[in-house]
Amino acid sequence: MSADCDACGDAVSDPLARTVRLTVDRSQVDTQRLCPGCFADWIERYREEMQPEERETIDDEIIVD
């Protein structure tokens, strides 16, 4: 059985598909069925967005009016 990837639209077979479910307070907000390539892209975006930002040293003075 196969269905389309929600990200790119390509057909993907069940054994290769990955399902990403987003839940907030135990309520499902979103579900995406992804092909292996789109899943890898999703994981990379997740890592980039959820990783703590590196703090940069700021030498400039901040003035608030």
Protein backbone atom coordinates (compact mmCIF):
# COMPACT_ATOMS: atom_id res chain seq x y z
CA MET A 1 0.00 0.00 0.00
CA SER A 2 1.26 3.50 -0.71
CA ALA A 3 0.10 7.07 -0.19
CA ASP A 4 1.51 10.50 -0.90
CA CYS A 5 4.05 12.34 1.21
CA ASP A 6 2.41 15.37 2.84
CA ALA A 7 5.51 17.49 2.19
CA CYS A 8 6.55 16.75 -1.41
CA GLY A 9 3.55 14.83 -2.74
CA ASP A 10 5.57 11.83 -3.97
CA ALA A 11 4.10 8.37 -3.49
CA VAL A 12 5.69 6.50 -0.59
CA SER A 13 5.10 2.89 0.50
CA ASP A 14 4.03 2.14 4.06
CA PRO A 15 7.31 0.49 5.14
CA LEU A 16 9.27 3.61 4.12
CA ALA A 17 6.84 6.26 5.38
CA ARG A 18 7.26 8.05 8.69
CA THR A 19 4.45 9.75 10.55
CA VAL A 20 5.15 12.87 12.58
CA ARG A 21 2.49 13.72 15.17
CA LEU A 22 2.44 17.01 17.03
CA THR A 23 0.55 16.98 20.30
CA VAL A 24 0.02 19.73 22.84
CA ASP A 25 -1.37 18.85 26.27
CA ARG A 26 -2.25 15.39 24.96
CA SER A 27 -4.36 16.86 22.11
CA GLN A 28 -3.23 16.09 18.59
CA VAL A 29 -2.53 19.31 16.68
CA ASP A 30 -1.01 18.02 13.44
CA THR A 31 -0.05 14.77 11.71
CA GLN A 32 2.21 14.49 8.67
CA ARG A 33 3.07 11.42 6.64
CA LEU A 34 6.57 11.89 5.20
CA CYS A 35 8.84 10.07 2.76
CA PRO A 36 12.38 9.28 4.00
CA GLY A 37 13.91 12.40 2.38
CA CYS A 38 11.29 14.79 3.76
CA PHE A 39 11.52 13.11 7.18
CA ALA A 40 15.30 13.69 7.20
CA ASP A 41 14.69 17.35 6.28
CA TRP A 42 12.07 17.63 9.06
CA ILE A 43 14.49 16.18 11.62
CA GLU A 44 17.21 18.64 10.56
CA ARG A 45 14.82 21.62 10.83
CA TYR A 46 13.67 20.38 14.25
CA ARG A 47 17.27 20.14 15.49
CA GLU A 48 18.12 23.60 14.20
CA GLU A 49 15.02 25.26 15.65
CA MET A 50 14.99 23.48 19.00
CA GLN A 51 18.71 23.66 19.75
CA PRO A 52 19.61 26.37 22.24
CA GLU A 53 21.06 29.40 20.53
CA GLU A 54 24.70 30.08 21.09
CA ARG A 55 25.16 33.28 23.01
CA GLU A 56 27.31 35.80 21.27
CA THR A 57 29.40 38.32 23.13
CA ILE A 58 28.16 41.79 22.37
CA ASP A 59 30.72 44.55 22.68
CA ASP A 60 28.32 47.34 21.69
CA GLU A 61 26.53 49.41 24.27
CA ILE A 62 22.74 49.08 24.35
CA ILE A 63 20.79 52.26 25.01
CA VAL A 64 17.07 52.15 25.86
CA ASP A 65 15.09 55.38 25.76
